[in-house]
Protein backbone atom coordinates (compact mmCIF):
# COMPACT_ATOMS: atom_id res chain seq x y z
CA UNK A 1 50.85 26.50 18.60
CA UNK A 2 47.69 28.13 17.28
CA UNK A 3 49.27 31.53 17.90
CA UNK A 4 51.98 30.69 15.36
CA UNK A 5 49.49 30.05 12.57
CA UNK A 6 48.96 32.74 9.93
CA UNK A 7 46.11 33.20 7.56
CA UNK A 8 47.10 33.53 3.88
CA UNK A 9 46.41 37.27 3.77
CA UNK A 10 48.74 37.79 6.76
CA UNK A 11 51.76 36.21 5.06
CA UNK A 12 54.45 38.44 3.57
CA UNK A 13 54.22 36.47 0.33
CA UNK A 14 50.59 37.54 -0.01
CA UNK A 15 51.83 40.89 -1.38
CA UNK A 16 54.26 41.65 -4.18
CA UNK A 17 56.11 44.93 -4.65
CA UNK A 18 56.73 46.06 -8.22
CA UNK A 19 59.20 48.77 -9.24
CA UNK A 20 58.86 51.31 -12.05
CA UNK A 21 61.26 53.92 -13.36
CA UNK A 22 61.42 56.25 -16.37
CA UNK A 23 64.47 56.62 -18.62
CA UNK A 24 66.09 59.49 -16.71
CA UNK A 25 65.11 57.91 -13.36
CA UNK A 26 63.44 61.11 -12.13
CA UNK A 27 60.13 59.24 -11.88
CA UNK A 28 60.73 56.25 -9.60
CA UNK A 29 58.04 54.45 -7.63
CA UNK A 30 56.84 51.11 -6.35
CA UNK A 31 53.39 49.57 -6.08
CA UNK A 32 52.58 46.82 -3.62
CA UNK A 33 49.68 44.65 -4.72
CA UNK A 34 48.06 41.49 -3.34
CA UNK A 35 49.35 38.42 -5.13
CA UNK A 36 45.73 37.40 -5.51
CA UNK A 37 45.33 40.36 -7.92
CA UNK A 38 48.11 39.12 -10.20
CA UNK A 39 48.55 39.12 -13.07
CA UNK A 40 47.41 42.72 -13.44
CA UNK A 41 45.32 42.99 -16.63
CA UNK A 42 46.71 45.30 -19.31
CA UNK A 43 44.52 47.08 -21.82
CA UNK A 44 45.85 48.82 -24.90
CA UNK A 45 43.87 52.03 -25.31
CA UNK A 46 43.71 53.37 -28.87
CA UNK A 47 41.55 56.42 -28.16
CA UNK A 48 42.42 59.79 -29.66
CA UNK A 49 43.36 61.20 -26.26
CA UNK A 50 45.84 58.45 -25.41
CA UNK A 51 47.40 58.48 -28.87
CA UNK A 52 47.86 62.25 -28.97
CA UNK A 53 49.10 62.60 -25.39
CA UNK A 54 51.58 59.72 -25.66
CA UNK A 55 52.61 60.20 -29.29
CA UNK A 56 52.29 56.44 -29.71
CA UNK A 57 49.83 54.04 -31.35
CA UNK A 58 48.29 53.22 -27.97
CA UNK A 59 49.05 53.20 -24.27
CA UNK A 60 49.68 50.05 -22.21
CA UNK A 61 47.82 50.56 -18.94
CA UNK A 62 46.83 48.35 -16.02
CA UNK A 63 44.39 49.44 -13.30
CA UNK A 64 45.74 49.05 -9.80
CA UNK A 65 43.53 47.30 -7.21
CA UNK A 66 41.33 49.68 -5.23
CA UNK A 67 43.21 51.50 -2.52
CA UNK A 68 46.65 50.81 -4.08
CA UNK A 69 48.64 53.88 -5.08
CA UNK A 70 52.21 54.41 -6.35
CA UNK A 71 54.73 54.92 -3.54
CA UNK A 72 57.35 57.33 -4.86
CA UNK A 73 60.98 56.69 -3.95
CA UNK A 74 62.73 59.84 -2.69
CA UNK A 75 63.74 62.22 -4.17
CA UNK A 76 61.08 61.35 -6.75
CA UNK A 77 57.57 62.69 -6.15
CA UNK A 78 54.49 63.73 -8.07
CA UNK A 79 55.12 67.37 -7.18
CA UNK A 80 58.82 67.52 -8.08
CA UNK A 81 59.20 64.96 -10.85
CA UNK A 82 55.98 64.94 -12.85
CA UNK A 83 53.78 67.19 -14.95
CA UNK A 84 50.03 66.62 -14.77
CA UNK A 85 47.71 67.05 -17.74
CA UNK A 86 43.90 67.15 -17.64
CA UNK A 87 42.73 66.87 -21.23
CA UNK A 88 39.35 68.60 -20.85
CA UNK A 89 36.87 69.97 -18.33
CA UNK A 90 34.99 66.66 -18.58
CA UNK A 91 38.07 64.52 -17.91
CA UNK A 92 37.72 61.92 -15.17
CA UNK A 93 41.47 61.54 -14.66
CA UNK A 94 44.77 63.41 -14.69
CA UNK A 95 47.68 62.09 -16.74
CA UNK A 96 51.24 62.31 -15.46
CA UNK A 97 54.56 62.33 -17.31
CA UNK A 98 58.18 62.96 -16.35
CA UNK A 99 59.30 66.60 -16.41
CA UNK A 100 62.72 65.62 -17.77
CA UNK A 101 62.36 62.79 -20.30
CA UNK A 102 58.61 62.95 -21.03
CA UNK A 103 57.81 59.37 -19.97
CA UNK A 104 54.14 58.78 -19.12
CA UNK A 105 53.72 56.95 -15.83
CA UNK A 106 49.92 56.63 -15.68
CA UNK A 107 46.58 58.26 -14.92
CA UNK A 108 44.99 59.12 -11.57
CA UNK A 109 41.27 59.68 -11.10
CA UNK A 110 40.39 63.23 -10.16
CA UNK A 111 37.69 62.13 -7.72
CA UNK A 112 38.52 59.65 -4.94
CA UNK A 113 36.81 56.30 -4.83
CA UNK A 114 33.92 56.55 -2.30
CA UNK A 115 34.76 53.10 -0.90
CA UNK A 116 38.46 53.66 -0.17
CA UNK A 117 38.68 57.45 -0.12
CA UNK A 118 41.64 57.22 -2.51
CA UNK A 119 41.76 57.97 -6.25
CA UNK A 120 42.14 54.96 -8.51
CA UNK A 121 45.23 54.63 -10.72
CA UNK A 122 46.02 53.11 -14.09
CA UNK A 123 49.78 52.70 -14.44
CA UNK A 124 51.96 52.49 -17.54
CA UNK A 125 53.16 48.90 -17.34
CA UNK A 126 55.92 49.48 -19.89
CA UNK A 127 58.15 51.20 -17.32
CA UNK A 128 58.17 48.40 -14.74
CA UNK A 129 61.24 46.22 -14.24
CA UNK A 130 59.31 42.97 -14.78
CA UNK A 131 57.06 42.07 -17.71
CA UNK A 132 56.34 38.37 -17.27
CA UNK A 133 52.77 37.11 -17.66
CA UNK A 134 52.65 36.11 -14.01
CA UNK A 135 52.81 39.82 -13.18
CA UNK A 136 51.20 41.60 -16.14
CA UNK A 137 48.99 40.14 -18.84
CA UNK A 138 47.80 41.95 -21.96
CA UNK A 139 44.12 41.12 -22.27
CA UNK A 140 42.31 43.69 -24.38
CA UNK A 141 42.24 46.47 -26.95
CA UNK A 142 39.88 49.35 -26.15
CA UNK A 143 38.61 52.32 -28.14
CA UNK A 144 39.85 50.93 -31.42
CA UNK A 145 39.09 53.15 -34.37
CA UNK A 146 38.69 51.88 -37.96
CA UNK A 147 40.04 55.23 -39.16
CA UNK A 148 43.47 54.39 -37.70
CA UNK A 149 43.70 50.84 -39.07
CA UNK A 150 45.99 49.06 -39.48
CA UNK A 151 46.96 49.59 -35.84
CA UNK A 152 48.14 47.48 -32.92
CA UNK A 153 44.74 45.83 -32.58
CA UNK A 154 45.12 44.72 -36.21
CA UNK A 155 48.67 43.46 -35.75
CA UNK A 156 48.23 41.98 -32.26
CA UNK A 157 44.92 40.10 -32.23
CA UNK A 158 46.30 37.38 -29.95
CA UNK A 159 49.26 36.44 -27.77
CA UNK A 160 50.50 32.85 -27.65
CA UNK A 161 47.21 31.66 -29.11
CA UNK A 162 45.15 33.62 -26.55
CA UNK A 163 42.76 36.01 -28.31
CA UNK A 164 42.68 39.58 -27.03
CA UNK A 165 39.27 41.04 -26.31
CA UNK A 166 38.27 44.15 -28.28
CA UNK A 167 35.95 46.60 -26.54
CA UNK A 168 34.33 49.74 -27.94
CA UNK A 169 31.51 51.81 -26.45
CA UNK A 170 28.14 51.72 -28.19
CA UNK A 171 27.41 54.66 -30.53
CA UNK A 172 25.08 56.33 -28.02
CA UNK A 173 27.67 56.23 -25.23
CA UNK A 174 29.11 59.67 -24.30
CA UNK A 175 32.62 58.17 -24.56
CA UNK A 176 32.07 57.18 -28.19
CA UNK A 177 33.57 60.38 -29.54
CA UNK A 178 37.11 61.15 -28.40
CA UNK A 179 38.33 64.37 -29.99
CA UNK A 180 41.38 66.57 -29.74
CA UNK A 181 41.04 69.16 -26.99
CA UNK A 182 38.38 71.30 -28.72
CA UNK A 183 40.71 72.03 -31.63
CA UNK A 184 39.41 73.33 -34.93
CA UNK A 185 39.62 70.87 -37.83
CA UNK A 186 43.04 70.81 -39.47
CA UNK A 187 41.85 71.52 -43.04
CA UNK A 188 42.07 75.34 -42.79
CA UNK A 189 45.75 74.96 -41.85
CA UNK A 190 46.46 72.85 -44.91
CA UNK A 191 45.72 74.76 -48.09
CA UNK A 192 48.62 72.83 -49.62
CA UNK A 193 47.52 69.21 -49.96
CA UNK A 194 51.15 68.17 -50.33
CA UNK A 195 51.71 68.56 -46.59
CA UNK A 196 50.49 66.55 -43.62
CA UNK A 197 49.56 67.89 -40.19
CA UNK A 198 51.15 66.47 -37.05
CA UNK A 199 50.19 67.74 -33.61
CA UNK A 200 50.08 66.79 -29.97
CA UNK A 201 46.87 66.72 -27.94
CA UNK A 202 47.13 70.20 -26.43
CA UNK A 203 48.23 71.65 -29.82
CA UNK A 204 51.28 73.23 -28.20
CA UNK A 205 53.19 71.52 -31.01
CA UNK A 206 51.73 71.70 -34.51
CA UNK A 207 53.92 70.71 -37.44
CA UNK A 208 53.51 70.23 -41.17
CA UNK A 209 55.38 67.50 -43.04
CA UNK A 210 55.82 67.71 -46.77
CA UNK A 211 55.13 64.66 -48.88
CA UNK A 212 58.09 63.02 -50.64
CA UNK A 213 59.43 65.11 -53.49
CA UNK A 214 61.26 64.16 -56.70
CA UNK A 215 64.42 65.67 -55.19
CA UNK A 216 64.21 63.30 -52.20
CA UNK A 217 63.52 60.33 -54.44
CA UNK A 218 66.62 61.15 -56.50
CA UNK A 219 68.91 61.61 -53.51
CA UNK A 220 70.99 58.45 -52.87
CA UNK A 221 70.72 58.83 -49.10
CA UNK A 222 67.18 60.13 -48.64
CA UNK A 223 65.57 57.64 -51.02
CA UNK A 224 66.46 54.84 -48.61
CA UNK A 225 63.63 56.17 -46.45
CA UNK A 226 60.99 56.09 -49.18
CA UNK A 227 58.83 53.27 -50.49
CA UNK A 228 56.22 53.05 -53.24
CA UNK A 229 52.61 53.30 -52.16
CA UNK A 230 51.21 49.76 -51.67
CA UNK A 231 48.70 50.13 -54.47
CA UNK A 232 47.55 47.14 -56.57
CA UNK A 233 48.47 49.15 -59.66
CA UNK A 234 51.87 50.26 -58.45
CA UNK A 235 54.61 48.55 -60.44
CA UNK A 236 57.72 50.33 -59.13
CA UNK A 237 59.48 48.66 -56.21
CA UNK A 238 62.84 49.34 -54.66
CA UNK A 239 65.47 46.73 -55.44
CA UNK A 240 66.72 45.64 -51.98
CA UNK A 241 70.14 44.76 -53.36
CA UNK A 242 70.79 48.09 -55.07
CA UNK A 243 68.51 50.37 -53.13
CA UNK A 244 67.42 51.94 -56.40
CA UNK A 245 63.96 53.32 -56.94
CA UNK A 246 62.95 53.08 -60.63
CA UNK A 247 61.29 56.11 -62.18
CA UNK A 248 61.59 58.01 -58.91
CA UNK A 249 60.92 61.39 -60.50
CA UNK A 250 57.76 60.41 -62.30
CA UNK A 251 56.31 58.50 -59.37
CA UNK A 252 57.26 60.69 -56.39
CA UNK A 253 53.57 61.39 -55.78
CA UNK A 254 53.05 57.69 -55.09
CA UNK A 255 55.85 57.42 -52.54
CA UNK A 256 55.39 56.93 -48.81
CA UNK A 257 57.83 57.63 -46.03
CA UNK A 258 59.28 54.56 -44.36
CA UNK A 259 57.88 53.87 -40.89
CA UNK A 260 58.80 51.33 -38.24
CA UNK A 261 57.74 50.03 -34.86
CA UNK A 262 60.46 50.31 -32.22
CA UNK A 263 60.44 48.14 -29.10
CA UNK A 264 63.81 49.20 -27.70
CA UNK A 265 64.35 49.99 -24.03
CA UNK A 266 65.04 53.69 -24.61
CA UNK A 267 61.86 54.30 -26.63
CA UNK A 268 59.86 52.33 -24.08
CA UNK A 269 61.16 54.32 -21.12
CA UNK A 270 60.83 57.79 -22.67
CA UNK A 271 57.28 57.21 -23.90
CA UNK A 272 55.79 54.85 -21.32
CA UNK A 273 54.64 52.54 -24.12
CA UNK A 274 55.99 49.16 -25.24
CA UNK A 275 55.75 50.15 -28.91
CA UNK A 276 56.63 53.45 -30.55
CA UNK A 277 55.91 54.11 -34.23
CA UNK A 278 58.42 56.30 -36.07
CA UNK A 279 58.63 57.64 -39.57
CA UNK A 280 61.84 59.01 -41.08
CA UNK A 281 61.60 62.61 -42.30
CA UNK A 282 64.44 65.08 -43.06
CA UNK A 283 64.16 68.17 -40.84
CA UNK A 284 64.14 70.27 -44.01
CA UNK A 285 60.74 68.72 -44.81
CA UNK A 286 59.22 69.72 -41.45
CA UNK A 287 57.87 73.17 -40.57
CA UNK A 288 56.19 74.62 -37.52
CA UNK A 289 52.58 75.76 -37.79
CA UNK A 290 53.88 79.28 -38.40
CA UNK A 291 55.78 78.07 -41.47
CA UNK A 292 59.23 78.20 -39.85
CA UNK A 293 61.55 75.36 -40.88
CA UNK A 294 62.89 73.06 -38.17
CA UNK A 295 66.41 73.63 -36.89
CA UNK A 296 68.22 70.88 -35.01
CA UNK A 297 69.79 73.53 -32.75
CA UNK A 298 66.54 75.28 -31.84
CA UNK A 299 64.02 72.51 -31.23
CA UNK A 300 63.16 73.84 -27.77
CA UNK A 301 62.00 77.07 -29.41
CA UNK A 302 59.14 75.29 -31.20
CA UNK A 303 55.90 75.74 -29.28
CA UNK A 304 55.86 73.70 -26.08
CA UNK A 305 58.68 71.36 -27.18
CA UNK A 306 61.19 70.08 -24.64
CA UNK A 307 64.46 68.34 -25.53
CA UNK A 308 65.94 65.30 -23.76
CA UNK A 309 69.21 63.53 -24.57
CA UNK A 310 68.73 59.79 -24.14
CA UNK A 311 72.39 59.25 -25.11
CA UNK A 312 75.35 61.26 -26.38
CA UNK A 313 74.21 60.74 -29.97
CA UNK A 314 70.43 60.90 -29.62
CA UNK A 315 68.07 63.75 -28.81
CA UNK A 316 64.38 63.23 -28.22
CA UNK A 317 61.63 65.77 -27.85
CA UNK A 318 58.21 65.81 -26.21
CA UNK A 319 55.45 68.30 -25.46
CA UNK A 320 55.97 69.98 -22.08
CA UNK A 321 52.22 70.39 -21.57
CA UNK A 322 50.59 67.08 -22.58
CA UNK A 323 53.69 64.84 -22.78
CA UNK A 324 53.41 63.64 -26.38
CA UNK A 325 56.56 62.08 -27.84
CA UNK A 326 57.51 64.02 -30.98
CA UNK A 327 61.06 63.60 -32.32
CA UNK A 328 63.96 61.17 -32.26
CA UNK A 329 67.05 62.79 -33.76
CA UNK A 330 70.37 61.09 -34.40
């Protein structure tokens, strides 16, 4: 009779296997974790590195228990399906994203843990097939930066009445400053203050975006994607019923491009993040760092850009070196 008894850690139910897959399904893996470790705690990292490698406002990562690693489902593998990116010589981890659709799947420590002999992982929880709070629980914002506010830490201070912890390193901590990969400051590239710089972390993709012009504001179609600057002194507002923008020509310098937060399945599975922020810009208003205008038929000729079709009507692009999400074209 005693031989039939099992301790809790010997029971099959003491472990739970979770499945993750990117949009194109090239990256496909499982992780098996002790149920005692659930829910896995999620942190939203807002650091410069995560934002510029993902192309999103933050990443949604959960550390796996020590000794637990992703088990890739054939034919998927790290070597055949993923691109690794180490953001600097001082980096403690390597980031991985799908070769085909650009989806980030997580980070793996470069050095193995001395206790287990295996590198520790932080996985992108957005690509798993389950998202209930018994499995994953968002608990904190880390590396928030006042310069990027409002951001997700501003908009998501709590979940169901449960406050999310905010953690930042002290000013004297070596992690306090997170910079782009030793890039020069953008100002020399922007002699024209009417353009904005957009770039990925590795700078393989560097674009300039022109500010809204009077011609855009006067165009019946394009002006739908413009809004007045939210200034206390701004008196011009678009009439939602007519879509008209009063005095568009005289106030084009006060206009902002419409932006949105997308939580759809496709955006989630091509970025590896639950939330993707988009702004709507005509291709004619975007140029490469060399001054060449964007062409919808030659996007893969721009720097390190790769193109992925998420549907018959939609093309998406990402950096082939660092994995940053760049474009959604429809």
